[in-house]
């Protein structure tokens, strides 16, 4: 009985140290080109595209379309493509 309780407590403590918050893995914003104009994407890790999403898109483009484009951009980067980082406010004001 005590062994099971000890193992359960150890498992909970171990899992609580793991971060499952996408915010902890954010990259700098990335630009993805589309026929409607650039989409700004938030890419999270270089190992998967599940969390990748759009954070800015052209007027008239659906969220689903922009998010799919960002996941495709994340896949392109995973496959060795160079990311095109969005300009920062400091760079834009210079």
PDB file of N, CA and C in Angstrom:
ATOM      1  N   UNK A   1       0.825  -1.195   0.000  1.00  0.00           N
ATOM      2  CA  UNK A   1       0.000   0.000   0.000  1.00  0.00           C
ATOM      3  C   UNK A   1       0.869   1.259   0.000  1.00  0.00           C
ATOM      4  N   UNK A   2       1.871   1.289   0.898  1.00  0.00           N
ATOM      5  CA  UNK A   2       2.733   2.465   0.985  1.00  0.00           C
ATOM      6  C   UNK A   2       3.603   2.629  -0.261  1.00  0.00           C
ATOM      7  N   UNK A   3       3.947   1.508  -0.880  1.00  0.00           N
ATOM      8  CA  UNK A   3       4.770   1.567  -2.096  1.00  0.00           C
ATOM      9  C   UNK A   3       3.971   2.206  -3.223  1.00  0.00           C
ATOM     10  N   UNK A   4       2.704   1.829  -3.378  1.00  0.00           N
ATOM     11  CA  UNK A   4       1.864   2.411  -4.426  1.00  0.00           C
ATOM     12  C   UNK A   4       1.673   3.905  -4.195  1.00  0.00           C
ATOM     13  N   UNK A   5       1.443   4.292  -2.971  1.00  0.00           N
ATOM     14  CA  UNK A   5       1.268   5.706  -2.642  1.00  0.00           C
ATOM     15  C   UNK A   5       2.546   6.489  -2.920  1.00  0.00           C
ATOM     16  N   UNK A   6       3.678   5.928  -2.545  1.00  0.00           N
ATOM     17  CA  UNK A   6       4.970   6.576  -2.784  1.00  0.00           C
ATOM     18  C   UNK A   6       5.225   6.728  -4.283  1.00  0.00           C
ATOM     19  N   UNK A   7       4.938   5.685  -5.042  1.00  0.00           N
ATOM     20  CA  UNK A   7       5.123   5.749  -6.498  1.00  0.00           C
ATOM     21  C   UNK A   7       4.182   6.775  -7.130  1.00  0.00           C
ATOM     22  N   UNK A   8       2.950   6.841  -6.658  1.00  0.00           N
ATOM     23  CA  UNK A   8       1.997   7.816  -7.187  1.00  0.00           C
ATOM     24  C   UNK A   8       2.467   9.241  -6.900  1.00  0.00           C
ATOM     25  N   UNK A   9       2.939   9.488  -5.695  1.00  0.00           N
ATOM     26  CA  UNK A   9       3.445  10.827  -5.339  1.00  0.00           C
ATOM     27  C   UNK A   9       4.667  11.170  -6.176  1.00  0.00           C
ATOM     28  N   UNK A  10       5.563  10.215  -6.374  1.00  0.00           N
ATOM     29  CA  UNK A  10       6.756  10.458  -7.186  1.00  0.00           C
ATOM     30  C   UNK A  10       6.376  10.756  -8.637  1.00  0.00           C
ATOM     31  N   UNK A  11       5.386  10.047  -9.164  1.00  0.00           N
ATOM     32  CA  UNK A  11       4.940  10.286 -10.547  1.00  0.00           C
ATOM     33  C   UNK A  11       4.345  11.675 -10.702  1.00  0.00           C
ATOM     34  N   UNK A  12       3.515  12.081  -9.761  1.00  0.00           N
ATOM     35  CA  UNK A  12       2.912  13.419  -9.816  1.00  0.00           C
ATOM     36  C   UNK A  12       3.988  14.492  -9.716  1.00  0.00           C
ATOM     37  N   UNK A  13       4.945  14.317  -8.832  1.00  0.00           N
ATOM     38  CA  UNK A  13       6.025  15.301  -8.680  1.00  0.00           C
ATOM     39  C   UNK A  13       6.857  15.397  -9.946  1.00  0.00           C
ATOM     40  N   UNK A  14       7.138  14.261 -10.568  1.00  0.00           N
ATOM     41  CA  UNK A  14       7.924  14.260 -11.798  1.00  0.00           C
ATOM     42  C   UNK A  14       7.179  14.952 -12.926  1.00  0.00           C
ATOM     43  N   UNK A  15       5.904  14.636 -13.097  1.00  0.00           N
ATOM     44  CA  UNK A  15       5.122  15.242 -14.173  1.00  0.00           C
ATOM     45  C   UNK A  15       4.877  16.732 -13.942  1.00  0.00           C
ATOM     46  N   UNK A  16       4.786  17.158 -12.708  1.00  0.00           N
ATOM     47  CA  UNK A  16       4.536  18.572 -12.445  1.00  0.00           C
ATOM     48  C   UNK A  16       5.743  19.427 -12.822  1.00  0.00           C
ATOM     49  N   UNK A  17       6.916  18.821 -12.922  1.00  0.00           N
ATOM     50  CA  UNK A  17       8.106  19.563 -13.328  1.00  0.00           C
ATOM     51  C   UNK A  17       8.158  19.756 -14.840  1.00  0.00           C
ATOM     52  N   UNK A  18       7.354  19.019 -15.590  1.00  0.00           N
ATOM     53  CA  UNK A  18       7.323  19.135 -17.045  1.00  0.00           C
ATOM     54  C   UNK A  18       6.450  20.314 -17.445  1.00  0.00           C
ATOM     55  N   UNK A  19       6.913  21.052 -18.429  1.00  0.00           N
ATOM     56  CA  UNK A  19       6.134  22.184 -18.906  1.00  0.00           C
ATOM     57  C   UNK A  19       5.348  21.773 -20.147  1.00  0.00           C
ATOM     58  N   UNK A  20       4.046  21.910 -20.091  1.00  0.00           N
ATOM     59  CA  UNK A  20       3.206  21.625 -21.245  1.00  0.00           C
ATOM     60  C   UNK A  20       2.563  22.904 -21.755  1.00  0.00           C
ATOM     61  N   UNK A  21       3.135  24.030 -21.406  1.00  0.00           N
ATOM     62  CA  UNK A  21       2.616  25.323 -21.813  1.00  0.00           C
ATOM     63  C   UNK A  21       3.325  25.761 -23.094  1.00  0.00           C
ATOM     64  N   UNK A  22       2.609  25.893 -24.218  1.00  0.00           N
ATOM     65  CA  UNK A  22       3.243  26.305 -25.465  1.00  0.00           C
ATOM     66  C   UNK A  22       4.018  27.618 -25.340  1.00  0.00           C
ATOM     67  N   UNK A  23       3.590  28.509 -24.460  1.00  0.00           N
ATOM     68  CA  UNK A  23       4.240  29.813 -24.291  1.00  0.00           C
ATOM     69  C   UNK A  23       5.732  29.654 -23.964  1.00  0.00           C
ATOM     70  N   UNK A  24       6.081  28.551 -23.305  1.00  0.00           N
ATOM     71  CA  UNK A  24       7.483  28.308 -22.936  1.00  0.00           C
ATOM     72  C   UNK A  24       8.362  27.972 -24.139  1.00  0.00           C
ATOM     73  N   UNK A  25       7.766  27.713 -25.281  1.00  0.00           N
ATOM     74  CA  UNK A  25       8.517  27.279 -26.458  1.00  0.00           C
ATOM     75  C   UNK A  25       8.425  28.256 -27.634  1.00  0.00           C
ATOM     76  N   UNK A  26       7.864  29.431 -27.436  1.00  0.00           N
ATOM     77  CA  UNK A  26       7.644  30.377 -28.535  1.00  0.00           C
ATOM     78  C   UNK A  26       8.950  30.837 -29.170  1.00  0.00           C
ATOM     79  N   UNK A  27       8.912  30.949 -30.502  1.00  0.00           N
ATOM     80  CA  UNK A  27      10.012  31.553 -31.249  1.00  0.00           C
ATOM     81  C   UNK A  27       9.662  33.023 -31.476  1.00  0.00           C
ATOM     82  N   UNK A  28      10.584  33.739 -32.077  1.00  0.00           N
ATOM     83  CA  UNK A  28      10.243  35.080 -32.569  1.00  0.00           C
ATOM     84  C   UNK A  28       9.223  34.889 -33.683  1.00  0.00           C
ATOM     85  N   UNK A  29       8.312  35.847 -33.898  1.00  0.00           N
ATOM     86  CA  UNK A  29       7.315  35.699 -34.966  1.00  0.00           C
ATOM     87  C   UNK A  29       7.968  35.500 -36.342  1.00  0.00           C
ATOM     88  N   UNK A  30       7.341  34.651 -37.137  1.00  0.00           N
ATOM     89  CA  UNK A  30       7.820  34.269 -38.471  1.00  0.00           C
ATOM     90  C   UNK A  30       6.803  34.748 -39.499  1.00  0.00           C
ATOM     91  N   UNK A  31       7.281  35.179 -40.660  1.00  0.00           N
ATOM     92  CA  UNK A  31       6.391  35.563 -41.753  1.00  0.00           C
ATOM     93  C   UNK A  31       6.246  34.406 -42.739  1.00  0.00           C
ATOM     94  N   UNK A  32       5.025  34.170 -43.162  1.00  0.00           N
ATOM     95  CA  UNK A  32       4.734  33.191 -44.210  1.00  0.00           C
ATOM     96  C   UNK A  32       3.999  33.936 -45.315  1.00  0.00           C
ATOM     97  N   UNK A  33       4.451  33.749 -46.549  1.00  0.00           N
ATOM     98  CA  UNK A  33       3.821  34.428 -47.686  1.00  0.00           C
ATOM     99  C   UNK A  33       2.584  33.674 -48.142  1.00  0.00           C
ATOM    100  N   UNK A  34       1.578  34.427 -48.559  1.00  0.00           N
ATOM    101  CA  UNK A  34       0.374  33.845 -49.153  1.00  0.00           C
ATOM    102  C   UNK A  34      -0.058  34.751 -50.293  1.00  0.00           C
ATOM    103  N   UNK A  35      -0.978  34.266 -51.112  1.00  0.00           N
ATOM    104  CA  UNK A  35      -1.486  35.064 -52.228  1.00  0.00           C
ATOM    105  C   UNK A  35      -2.215  36.315 -51.732  1.00  0.00           C
ATOM    106  N   UNK A  36      -2.758  36.265 -50.513  1.00  0.00           N
ATOM    107  CA  UNK A  36      -3.504  37.401 -49.954  1.00  0.00           C
ATOM    108  C   UNK A  36      -2.597  38.382 -49.205  1.00  0.00           C
ATOM    109  N   UNK A  37      -1.347  37.997 -49.006  1.00  0.00           N
ATOM    110  CA  UNK A  37      -0.414  38.835 -48.269  1.00  0.00           C
ATOM    111  C   UNK A  37       0.271  38.041 -47.169  1.00  0.00           C
ATOM    112  N   UNK A  38       1.203  38.682 -46.459  1.00  0.00           N
ATOM    113  CA  UNK A  38       1.951  37.945 -45.436  1.00  0.00           C
ATOM    114  C   UNK A  38       1.097  37.578 -44.223  1.00  0.00           C
ATOM    115  N   UNK A  39       1.395  36.418 -43.666  1.00  0.00           N
ATOM    116  CA  UNK A  39       0.773  35.942 -42.435  1.00  0.00           C
ATOM    117  C   UNK A  39       1.870  35.877 -41.386  1.00  0.00           C
ATOM    118  N   UNK A  40       1.616  36.434 -40.217  1.00  0.00           N
ATOM    119  CA  UNK A  40       2.579  36.356 -39.126  1.00  0.00           C
ATOM    120  C   UNK A  40       2.256  35.126 -38.302  1.00  0.00           C
ATOM    121  N   UNK A  41       3.253  34.276 -38.117  1.00  0.00           N
ATOM    122  CA  UNK A  41       3.059  32.995 -37.440  1.00  0.00           C
ATOM    123  C   UNK A  41       3.842  32.937 -36.142  1.00  0.00           C
ATOM    124  N   UNK A  42       3.279  32.224 -35.185  1.00  0.00           N
ATOM    125  CA  UNK A  42       4.002  31.895 -33.963  1.00  0.00           C
ATOM    126  C   UNK A  42       4.372  30.426 -34.066  1.00  0.00           C
ATOM    127  N   UNK A  43       5.656  30.182 -34.208  1.00  0.00           N
ATOM    128  CA  UNK A  43       6.178  28.821 -34.295  1.00  0.00           C
ATOM    129  C   UNK A  43       6.675  28.453 -32.893  1.00  0.00           C
ATOM    130  N   UNK A  44       6.405  27.254 -32.454  1.00  0.00           N
ATOM    131  CA  UNK A  44       6.729  26.892 -31.076  1.00  0.00           C
ATOM    132  C   UNK A  44       7.956  26.024 -30.927  1.00  0.00           C
ATOM    133  N   UNK A  45       8.096  24.964 -31.665  1.00  0.00           N
ATOM    134  CA  UNK A  45       9.289  24.129 -31.549  1.00  0.00           C
ATOM    135  C   UNK A  45       9.724  23.717 -32.947  1.00  0.00           C
ATOM    136  N   UNK A  46      10.945  23.258 -33.035  1.00  0.00           N
ATOM    137  CA  UNK A  46      11.433  22.779 -34.329  1.00  0.00           C
ATOM    138  C   UNK A  46      11.149  21.297 -34.522  1.00  0.00           C
ATOM    139  N   UNK A  47      10.519  20.655 -33.526  1.00  0.00           N
ATOM    140  CA  UNK A  47      10.287  19.223 -33.601  1.00  0.00           C
ATOM    141  C   UNK A  47       8.862  18.813 -33.913  1.00  0.00           C
ATOM    142  N   UNK A  48       7.921  19.763 -33.907  1.00  0.00           N
ATOM    143  CA  UNK A  48       6.519  19.452 -34.214  1.00  0.00           C
ATOM    144  C   UNK A  48       5.801  20.742 -34.593  1.00  0.00           C
ATOM    145  N   UNK A  49       4.656  20.614 -35.253  1.00  0.00           N
ATOM    146  CA  UNK A  49       3.926  21.798 -35.705  1.00  0.00           C
ATOM    147  C   UNK A  49       2.527  21.898 -35.093  1.00  0.00           C
ATOM    148  N   UNK A  50       2.226  21.057 -34.124  1.00  0.00           N
ATOM    149  CA  UNK A  50       0.885  20.982 -33.552  1.00  0.00           C
ATOM    150  C   UNK A  50       0.419  22.314 -32.983  1.00  0.00           C
ATOM    151  N   UNK A  51       1.304  23.054 -32.309  1.00  0.00           N
ATOM    152  CA  UNK A  51       0.915  24.303 -31.660  1.00  0.00           C
ATOM    153  C   UNK A  51       1.053  25.518 -32.576  1.00  0.00           C
ATOM    154  N   UNK A  52       1.721  25.398 -33.722  1.00  0.00           N
ATOM    155  CA  UNK A  52       1.967  26.544 -34.595  1.00  0.00           C
ATOM    156  C   UNK A  52       0.637  27.177 -35.007  1.00  0.00           C
ATOM    157  N   UNK A  53       0.599  28.524 -34.999  1.00  0.00           N
ATOM    158  CA  UNK A  53      -0.651  29.225 -35.302  1.00  0.00           C
ATOM    159  C   UNK A  53      -0.349  30.623 -35.823  1.00  0.00           C
ATOM    160  N   UNK A  54      -1.364  31.228 -36.413  1.00  0.00           N
ATOM    161  CA  UNK A  54      -1.215  32.600 -36.906  1.00  0.00           C
ATOM    162  C   UNK A  54      -1.493  33.581 -35.772  1.00  0.00           C
ATOM    163  N   UNK A  55      -0.760  34.690 -35.788  1.00  0.00           N
ATOM    164  CA  UNK A  55      -1.030  35.750 -34.816  1.00  0.00           C
ATOM    165  C   UNK A  55      -1.423  37.046 -35.523  1.00  0.00           C
ATOM    166  N   UNK A  56      -1.310  37.057 -36.847  1.00  0.00           N
ATOM    167  CA  UNK A  56      -1.789  38.172 -37.662  1.00  0.00           C
ATOM    168  C   UNK A  56      -1.972  37.655 -39.078  1.00  0.00           C
ATOM    169  N   UNK A  57      -3.053  38.064 -39.722  1.00  0.00           N
ATOM    170  CA  UNK A  57      -3.352  37.575 -41.073  1.00  0.00           C
ATOM    171  C   UNK A  57      -4.017  38.678 -41.873  1.00  0.00           C
ATOM    172  N   UNK A  58      -3.991  38.563 -43.213  1.00  0.00           N
ATOM    173  CA  UNK A  58      -4.643  39.573 -44.050  1.00  0.00           C
ATOM    174  C   UNK A  58      -6.159  39.579 -43.833  1.00  0.00           C
ATOM    175  N   UNK A  59      -6.759  40.744 -44.016  1.00  0.00           N
ATOM    176  CA  UNK A  59      -8.223  40.849 -43.959  1.00  0.00           C
ATOM    177  C   UNK A  59      -8.822  39.891 -44.984  1.00  0.00           C
ATOM    178  N   UNK A  60      -9.867  39.217 -44.610  1.00  0.00           N
ATOM    179  CA  UNK A  60     -10.542  38.296 -45.519  1.00  0.00           C
ATOM    180  C   UNK A  60     -10.024  36.870 -45.449  1.00  0.00           C
ATOM    181  N   UNK A  61      -8.914  36.632 -44.778  1.00  0.00           N
ATOM    182  CA  UNK A  61      -8.389  35.274 -44.645  1.00  0.00           C
ATOM    183  C   UNK A  61      -8.931  34.686 -43.344  1.00  0.00           C
ATOM    184  N   UNK A  62      -9.419  33.463 -43.413  1.00  0.00           N
ATOM    185  CA  UNK A  62      -9.960  32.822 -42.204  1.00  0.00           C
ATOM    186  C   UNK A  62      -8.826  32.414 -41.259  1.00  0.00           C
ATOM    187  N   UNK A  63      -9.176  32.286 -40.000  1.00  0.00           N
ATOM    188  CA  UNK A  63      -8.205  31.835 -38.997  1.00  0.00           C
ATOM    189  C   UNK A  63      -7.705  30.438 -39.353  1.00  0.00           C
ATOM    190  N   UNK A  64      -8.612  29.569 -39.776  1.00  0.00           N
ATOM    191  CA  UNK A  64      -8.231  28.197 -40.127  1.00  0.00           C
ATOM    192  C   UNK A  64      -7.218  28.172 -41.272  1.00  0.00           C
ATOM    193  N   UNK A  65      -7.453  28.984 -42.308  1.00  0.00           N
ATOM    194  CA  UNK A  65      -6.526  29.043 -43.439  1.00  0.00           C
ATOM    195  C   UNK A  65      -5.164  29.559 -42.987  1.00  0.00           C
ATOM    196  N   UNK A  66      -5.166  30.626 -42.181  1.00  0.00           N
ATOM    197  CA  UNK A  66      -3.902  31.203 -41.705  1.00  0.00           C
ATOM    198  C   UNK A  66      -3.163  30.220 -40.809  1.00  0.00           C
ATOM    199  N   UNK A  67      -3.871  29.543 -39.924  1.00  0.00           N
ATOM    200  CA  UNK A  67      -3.232  28.562 -39.054  1.00  0.00           C
ATOM    201  C   UNK A  67      -2.638  27.403 -39.851  1.00  0.00           C
ATOM    202  N   UNK A  68      -3.354  26.942 -40.864  1.00  0.00           N
ATOM    203  CA  UNK A  68      -2.834  25.868 -41.721  1.00  0.00           C
ATOM    204  C   UNK A  68      -1.579  26.322 -42.459  1.00  0.00           C
ATOM    205  N   UNK A  69      -1.577  27.559 -42.911  1.00  0.00           N
ATOM    206  CA  UNK A  69      -0.402  28.098 -43.579  1.00  0.00           C
ATOM    207  C   UNK A  69       0.789  28.149 -42.607  1.00  0.00           C
ATOM    208  N   UNK A  70       0.523  28.503 -41.353  1.00  0.00           N
ATOM    209  CA  UNK A  70       1.590  28.563 -40.350  1.00  0.00           C
ATOM    210  C   UNK A  70       2.118  27.170 -40.031  1.00  0.00           C
ATOM    211  N   UNK A  71       1.236  26.178 -39.972  1.00  0.00           N
ATOM    212  CA  UNK A  71       1.711  24.815 -39.739  1.00  0.00           C
ATOM    213  C   UNK A  71       2.557  24.333 -40.917  1.00  0.00           C
ATOM    214  N   UNK A  72       2.164  24.704 -42.131  1.00  0.00           N
ATOM    215  CA  UNK A  72       2.965  24.352 -43.313  1.00  0.00           C
ATOM    216  C   UNK A  72       4.321  25.052 -43.258  1.00  0.00           C
ATOM    217  N   UNK A  73       4.341  26.301 -42.800  1.00  0.00           N
ATOM    218  CA  UNK A  73       5.602  27.030 -42.662  1.00  0.00           C
ATOM    219  C   UNK A  73       6.481  26.375 -41.592  1.00  0.00           C
ATOM    220  N   UNK A  74       5.866  25.956 -40.488  1.00  0.00           N
ATOM    221  CA  UNK A  74       6.612  25.247 -39.455  1.00  0.00           C
ATOM    222  C   UNK A  74       7.217  23.957 -39.993  1.00  0.00           C
ATOM    223  N   UNK A  75       6.466  23.235 -40.816  1.00  0.00           N
ATOM    224  CA  UNK A  75       6.968  22.000 -41.433  1.00  0.00           C
ATOM    225  C   UNK A  75       8.126  22.307 -42.366  1.00  0.00           C
ATOM    226  N   UNK A  76       8.011  23.397 -43.137  1.00  0.00           N
ATOM    227  CA  UNK A  76       9.088  23.777 -44.056  1.00  0.00           C
ATOM    228  C   UNK A  76      10.368  24.071 -43.267  1.00  0.00           C
ATOM    229  N   UNK A  77      10.229  24.752 -42.139  1.00  0.00           N
ATOM    230  CA  UNK A  77      11.387  25.066 -41.295  1.00  0.00           C
ATOM    231  C   UNK A  77      11.944  23.781 -40.678  1.00  0.00           C
ATOM    232  N   UNK A  78      11.056  22.876 -40.255  1.00  0.00           N
ATOM    233  CA  UNK A  78      11.507  21.583 -39.710  1.00  0.00           C
ATOM    234  C   UNK A  78      12.323  20.815 -40.732  1.00  0.00           C
ATOM    235  N   UNK A  79      11.963  20.952 -41.998  1.00  0.00           N
ATOM    236  CA  UNK A  79      12.653  20.234 -43.070  1.00  0.00           C
ATOM    237  C   UNK A  79      13.932  20.937 -43.519  1.00  0.00           C
ATOM    238  N   UNK A  80      14.338  21.989 -42.805  1.00  0.00           N
ATOM    239  CA  UNK A  80      15.609  22.649 -43.095  1.00  0.00           C
ATOM    240  C   UNK A  80      15.499  24.010 -43.745  1.00  0.00           C
ATOM    241  N   UNK A  81      14.290  24.501 -43.983  1.00  0.00           N
ATOM    242  CA  UNK A  81      14.126  25.829 -44.578  1.00  0.00           C
ATOM    243  C   UNK A  81      14.502  26.935 -43.602  1.00  0.00           C
ATOM    244  N   UNK A  82      14.910  28.052 -44.134  1.00  0.00           N
ATOM    245  CA  UNK A  82      15.267  29.221 -43.315  1.00  0.00           C
ATOM    246  C   UNK A  82      14.010  29.991 -42.929  1.00  0.00           C
ATOM    247  N   UNK A  83      13.850  30.305 -41.656  1.00  0.00           N
ATOM    248  CA  UNK A  83      12.699  31.126 -41.260  1.00  0.00           C
ATOM    249  C   UNK A  83      12.883  32.578 -41.677  1.00  0.00           C
ATOM    250  N   UNK A  84      11.790  33.221 -42.030  1.00  0.00           N
ATOM    251  CA  UNK A  84      11.795  34.647 -42.342  1.00  0.00           C
ATOM    252  C   UNK A  84      11.149  35.336 -41.143  1.00  0.00           C
ATOM    253  N   UNK A  85      11.991  35.926 -40.276  1.00  0.00           N
ATOM    254  CA  UNK A  85      11.473  36.530 -39.059  1.00  0.00           C
ATOM    255  C   UNK A  85      10.764  37.843 -39.362  1.00  0.00           C
ATOM    256  N   UNK A  86       9.666  38.070 -38.651  1.00  0.00           N
ATOM    257  CA  UNK A  86       8.921  39.322 -38.796  1.00  0.00           C
ATOM    258  C   UNK A  86       9.753  40.452 -38.196  1.00  0.00           C
ATOM    259  N   UNK A  87       9.673  41.646 -38.806  1.00  0.00           N
ATOM    260  CA  UNK A  87      10.431  42.769 -38.234  1.00  0.00           C
ATOM    261  C   UNK A  87       9.911  43.120 -36.843  1.00  0.00           C
ATOM    262  N   UNK A  88      10.824  43.506 -35.985  1.00  0.00           N
ATOM    263  CA  UNK A  88      10.436  43.921 -34.645  1.00  0.00           C
ATOM    264  C   UNK A  88      10.160  45.410 -34.651  1.00  0.00           C
ATOM    265  N   UNK A  89       9.533  45.920 -33.605  1.00  0.00           N
ATOM    266  CA  UNK A  89       9.225  47.344 -33.541  1.00  0.00           C
ATOM    267  C   UNK A  89      10.501  48.176 -33.492  1.00  0.00           C
ATOM    268  N   UNK A  90      11.541  47.662 -32.863  1.00  0.00           N
ATOM    269  CA  UNK A  90      12.811  48.395 -32.821  1.00  0.00           C
ATOM    270  C   UNK A  90      13.415  48.497 -34.213  1.00  0.00           C
ATOM    271  N   UNK A  91      13.338  47.407 -34.983  1.00  0.00           N
ATOM    272  CA  UNK A  91      13.881  47.422 -36.341  1.00  0.00           C
ATOM    273  C   UNK A  91      13.011  48.271 -37.264  1.00  0.00           C
ATOM    274  N   UNK A  92      11.714  48.262 -37.030  1.00  0.00           N
ATOM    275  CA  UNK A  92      10.792  49.022 -37.880  1.00  0.00           C
ATOM    276  C   UNK A  92      10.947  50.520 -37.669  1.00  0.00           C
ATOM    277  N   UNK A  93      11.298  50.946 -36.457  1.00  0.00           N
ATOM    278  CA  UNK A  93      11.420  52.369 -36.183  1.00  0.00           C
ATOM    279  C   UNK A  93      12.783  52.920 -36.572  1.00  0.00           C
ATOM    280  N   UNK A  94      13.733  52.069 -36.880  1.00  0.00           N
ATOM    281  CA  UNK A  94      15.088  52.524 -37.228  1.00  0.00           C
ATOM    282  C   UNK A  94      15.155  53.056 -38.636  1.00  0.00           C
TER     283      UNK A  94
END
